[in-house]
């Protein structure tokens, strides 16, 4: 699932970042700000009509992402046993 599809306030783990073929630098930019495999991420808020911007917390940092950027980030839910 992608970050733009997740439930608010739930904790997820980043699996991978998939940048479009025409803009591979976006993957590096997202990784530079912390969207790395294994990192925990939480969607805090969706913008107007749930189209963005998306307010997300990764680690101790909070960022606003466009829907297109959130769509590039694959995540999986973290389940606690």
N, C-alpha and C. Protein backbone atom coordinates (compact mmCIF):
# COMPACT_ATOMS: atom_id res chain seq x y z
N UNK A 1 0.85 -1.16 0.00
CA UNK A 1 0.00 0.00 0.00
C UNK A 1 0.90 1.23 0.00
N UNK A 2 0.34 2.33 -0.46
CA UNK A 2 1.11 3.57 -0.54
C UNK A 2 0.70 4.52 0.58
N UNK A 3 1.58 5.45 0.87
CA UNK A 3 1.37 6.36 2.00
C UNK A 3 0.10 7.20 1.84
N UNK A 4 -0.33 7.46 0.62
CA UNK A 4 -1.55 8.24 0.44
C UNK A 4 -2.81 7.44 0.71
N UNK A 5 -2.69 6.14 0.97
CA UNK A 5 -3.84 5.26 1.18
C UNK A 5 -4.02 4.82 2.64
N UNK A 6 -3.15 5.23 3.52
CA UNK A 6 -3.16 4.71 4.89
C UNK A 6 -4.14 5.45 5.78
N UNK A 7 -4.44 4.85 6.93
CA UNK A 7 -5.31 5.46 7.93
C UNK A 7 -4.54 6.51 8.73
N UNK A 8 -5.25 7.53 9.15
CA UNK A 8 -4.64 8.57 9.98
C UNK A 8 -4.22 8.00 11.33
N UNK A 9 -3.10 8.48 11.83
CA UNK A 9 -2.58 8.19 13.17
C UNK A 9 -2.16 6.74 13.41
N UNK A 10 -2.17 5.91 12.39
CA UNK A 10 -1.65 4.54 12.53
C UNK A 10 -0.17 4.54 12.19
N UNK A 11 0.56 3.59 12.71
CA UNK A 11 2.01 3.52 12.48
C UNK A 11 2.29 2.50 11.39
N UNK A 12 3.10 2.94 10.43
CA UNK A 12 3.49 2.10 9.30
C UNK A 12 5.00 2.06 9.20
N UNK A 13 5.50 1.13 8.41
CA UNK A 13 6.93 1.00 8.15
C UNK A 13 7.16 1.24 6.67
N UNK A 14 8.14 2.06 6.35
CA UNK A 14 8.50 2.31 4.95
C UNK A 14 9.11 1.04 4.37
N UNK A 15 8.60 0.62 3.22
CA UNK A 15 9.16 -0.54 2.50
C UNK A 15 10.13 -0.09 1.43
N UNK A 16 9.68 0.84 0.60
CA UNK A 16 10.52 1.33 -0.50
C UNK A 16 9.97 2.65 -1.01
N UNK A 17 10.81 3.36 -1.75
CA UNK A 17 10.39 4.59 -2.43
C UNK A 17 10.54 4.33 -3.93
N UNK A 18 9.47 4.52 -4.68
CA UNK A 18 9.47 4.29 -6.12
C UNK A 18 9.26 5.61 -6.85
N UNK A 19 10.33 6.14 -7.41
CA UNK A 19 10.23 7.39 -8.16
C UNK A 19 9.87 7.10 -9.61
N UNK A 20 9.22 8.04 -10.27
CA UNK A 20 8.93 7.83 -11.69
C UNK A 20 10.22 7.80 -12.52
N UNK A 21 10.17 7.09 -13.63
CA UNK A 21 11.37 6.96 -14.46
C UNK A 21 11.89 8.29 -14.97
N UNK A 22 11.01 9.24 -15.17
CA UNK A 22 11.43 10.54 -15.67
C UNK A 22 12.01 11.46 -14.61
N UNK A 23 11.94 11.07 -13.34
CA UNK A 23 12.41 11.93 -12.24
C UNK A 23 13.03 11.09 -11.13
N UNK A 24 14.12 10.37 -11.42
CA UNK A 24 14.72 9.51 -10.40
C UNK A 24 15.29 10.26 -9.20
N UNK A 25 15.56 11.55 -9.34
CA UNK A 25 16.12 12.34 -8.24
C UNK A 25 15.14 12.47 -7.07
N UNK A 26 13.85 12.32 -7.34
CA UNK A 26 12.85 12.44 -6.27
C UNK A 26 13.06 11.35 -5.22
N UNK A 27 13.43 10.16 -5.64
CA UNK A 27 13.70 9.08 -4.69
C UNK A 27 14.80 9.50 -3.71
N UNK A 28 15.88 10.05 -4.22
CA UNK A 28 16.98 10.51 -3.38
C UNK A 28 16.55 11.62 -2.44
N UNK A 29 15.71 12.52 -2.92
CA UNK A 29 15.25 13.62 -2.08
C UNK A 29 14.39 13.11 -0.92
N UNK A 30 13.50 12.16 -1.21
CA UNK A 30 12.68 11.60 -0.14
C UNK A 30 13.52 10.79 0.84
N UNK A 31 14.49 10.06 0.34
CA UNK A 31 15.38 9.30 1.23
C UNK A 31 16.23 10.24 2.08
N UNK A 32 16.66 11.36 1.51
CA UNK A 32 17.47 12.32 2.26
C UNK A 32 16.74 12.90 3.46
N UNK A 33 15.42 13.04 3.36
CA UNK A 33 14.67 13.59 4.49
C UNK A 33 14.15 12.52 5.43
N UNK A 34 14.49 11.24 5.15
CA UNK A 34 14.20 10.20 6.13
C UNK A 34 13.31 9.06 5.68
N UNK A 35 12.80 9.08 4.47
CA UNK A 35 11.93 8.01 4.00
C UNK A 35 12.78 6.84 3.51
N UNK A 36 13.31 6.10 4.46
CA UNK A 36 14.19 4.98 4.20
C UNK A 36 13.50 3.68 4.62
N UNK A 37 13.80 2.58 3.94
CA UNK A 37 13.21 1.30 4.33
C UNK A 37 13.43 1.00 5.81
N UNK A 38 12.34 0.60 6.49
CA UNK A 38 12.41 0.27 7.91
C UNK A 38 12.00 1.40 8.84
N UNK A 39 11.99 2.62 8.34
CA UNK A 39 11.62 3.76 9.20
C UNK A 39 10.12 3.76 9.46
N UNK A 40 9.74 4.19 10.66
CA UNK A 40 8.33 4.29 11.01
C UNK A 40 7.77 5.61 10.53
N UNK A 41 6.56 5.56 10.00
CA UNK A 41 5.91 6.76 9.47
C UNK A 41 4.44 6.76 9.87
N UNK A 42 3.92 7.95 10.17
CA UNK A 42 2.53 8.12 10.56
C UNK A 42 1.92 9.25 9.74
N UNK A 43 0.76 9.01 9.17
CA UNK A 43 0.03 10.06 8.46
C UNK A 43 -0.80 10.82 9.49
N UNK A 44 -0.52 12.10 9.65
CA UNK A 44 -1.18 12.91 10.67
C UNK A 44 -2.43 13.61 10.15
N UNK A 45 -2.38 14.04 8.88
CA UNK A 45 -3.51 14.79 8.34
C UNK A 45 -3.49 14.75 6.83
N UNK A 46 -4.69 14.71 6.24
CA UNK A 46 -4.83 14.82 4.78
C UNK A 46 -5.42 16.18 4.49
N UNK A 47 -5.00 16.77 3.40
CA UNK A 47 -5.47 18.11 3.04
C UNK A 47 -6.90 18.13 2.55
N UNK A 48 -7.29 19.25 2.03
CA UNK A 48 -8.63 19.49 1.54
C UNK A 48 -9.05 18.42 0.54
N UNK A 49 -10.20 17.83 0.75
CA UNK A 49 -10.75 16.77 -0.09
C UNK A 49 -9.83 15.55 -0.17
N UNK A 50 -8.96 15.41 0.81
CA UNK A 50 -8.02 14.28 0.91
C UNK A 50 -7.10 14.16 -0.30
N UNK A 51 -6.83 15.29 -0.95
CA UNK A 51 -5.96 15.30 -2.13
C UNK A 51 -4.57 15.85 -1.81
N UNK A 52 -4.33 16.24 -0.60
CA UNK A 52 -3.03 16.77 -0.22
C UNK A 52 -3.16 18.23 0.15
N UNK A 53 -2.15 18.79 0.76
CA UNK A 53 -0.93 18.07 1.14
C UNK A 53 -1.19 17.10 2.29
N UNK A 54 -0.26 16.17 2.41
CA UNK A 54 -0.33 15.16 3.47
C UNK A 54 0.70 15.52 4.53
N UNK A 55 0.27 15.63 5.76
CA UNK A 55 1.18 15.91 6.87
C UNK A 55 1.60 14.58 7.46
N UNK A 56 2.89 14.29 7.41
CA UNK A 56 3.40 12.99 7.88
C UNK A 56 4.53 13.18 8.88
N UNK A 57 4.64 12.23 9.79
CA UNK A 57 5.74 12.23 10.75
C UNK A 57 6.59 11.01 10.46
N UNK A 58 7.87 11.25 10.29
CA UNK A 58 8.83 10.17 10.13
C UNK A 58 9.95 10.43 11.12
N UNK A 59 10.17 9.48 12.01
CA UNK A 59 11.12 9.70 13.09
C UNK A 59 10.64 10.86 13.96
N UNK A 60 11.51 11.82 14.21
CA UNK A 60 11.15 12.98 15.03
C UNK A 60 10.78 14.19 14.17
N UNK A 61 10.70 14.01 12.85
CA UNK A 61 10.44 15.12 11.94
C UNK A 61 9.04 15.03 11.34
N UNK A 62 8.50 16.19 11.01
CA UNK A 62 7.18 16.27 10.39
C UNK A 62 7.33 17.00 9.06
N UNK A 63 6.71 16.44 8.01
CA UNK A 63 6.81 16.99 6.67
C UNK A 63 5.44 17.06 6.02
N UNK A 64 5.29 17.97 5.07
CA UNK A 64 4.12 18.01 4.21
C UNK A 64 4.55 17.46 2.85
N UNK A 65 3.79 16.49 2.34
CA UNK A 65 4.07 15.89 1.05
C UNK A 65 2.91 16.12 0.10
N UNK A 66 3.24 16.26 -1.17
CA UNK A 66 2.19 16.27 -2.20
C UNK A 66 1.64 14.86 -2.33
N UNK A 67 0.43 14.74 -2.88
CA UNK A 67 -0.15 13.42 -3.09
C UNK A 67 0.76 12.59 -3.98
N UNK A 68 1.34 13.18 -5.00
CA UNK A 68 2.22 12.44 -5.91
C UNK A 68 3.45 11.89 -5.18
N UNK A 69 3.96 12.63 -4.20
CA UNK A 69 5.11 12.15 -3.42
C UNK A 69 4.69 11.03 -2.47
N UNK A 70 3.56 11.22 -1.80
CA UNK A 70 3.07 10.19 -0.88
C UNK A 70 2.78 8.90 -1.63
N UNK A 71 2.35 9.02 -2.85
CA UNK A 71 2.03 7.85 -3.68
C UNK A 71 3.28 7.04 -4.02
N UNK A 72 4.44 7.64 -3.99
CA UNK A 72 5.71 6.96 -4.31
C UNK A 72 6.23 6.11 -3.16
N UNK A 73 5.71 6.32 -1.95
CA UNK A 73 6.24 5.67 -0.76
C UNK A 73 5.38 4.46 -0.41
N UNK A 74 5.95 3.27 -0.54
CA UNK A 74 5.25 2.04 -0.18
C UNK A 74 5.49 1.76 1.29
N UNK A 75 4.41 1.42 1.99
CA UNK A 75 4.48 1.16 3.43
C UNK A 75 3.72 -0.13 3.76
N UNK A 76 3.99 -0.63 4.96
CA UNK A 76 3.24 -1.76 5.50
C UNK A 76 2.88 -1.44 6.93
N UNK A 77 1.73 -1.92 7.39
CA UNK A 77 1.33 -1.64 8.78
C UNK A 77 2.26 -2.34 9.76
N UNK A 78 2.46 -1.72 10.87
CA UNK A 78 3.23 -2.34 11.96
C UNK A 78 2.21 -2.93 12.92
N UNK A 79 2.31 -4.21 13.11
CA UNK A 79 1.40 -4.88 14.04
C UNK A 79 2.19 -5.29 15.28
N UNK A 80 1.64 -4.95 16.41
CA UNK A 80 2.28 -5.30 17.69
C UNK A 80 1.63 -6.56 18.22
N UNK A 81 2.44 -7.50 18.64
CA UNK A 81 1.92 -8.78 19.15
C UNK A 81 1.70 -8.69 20.63
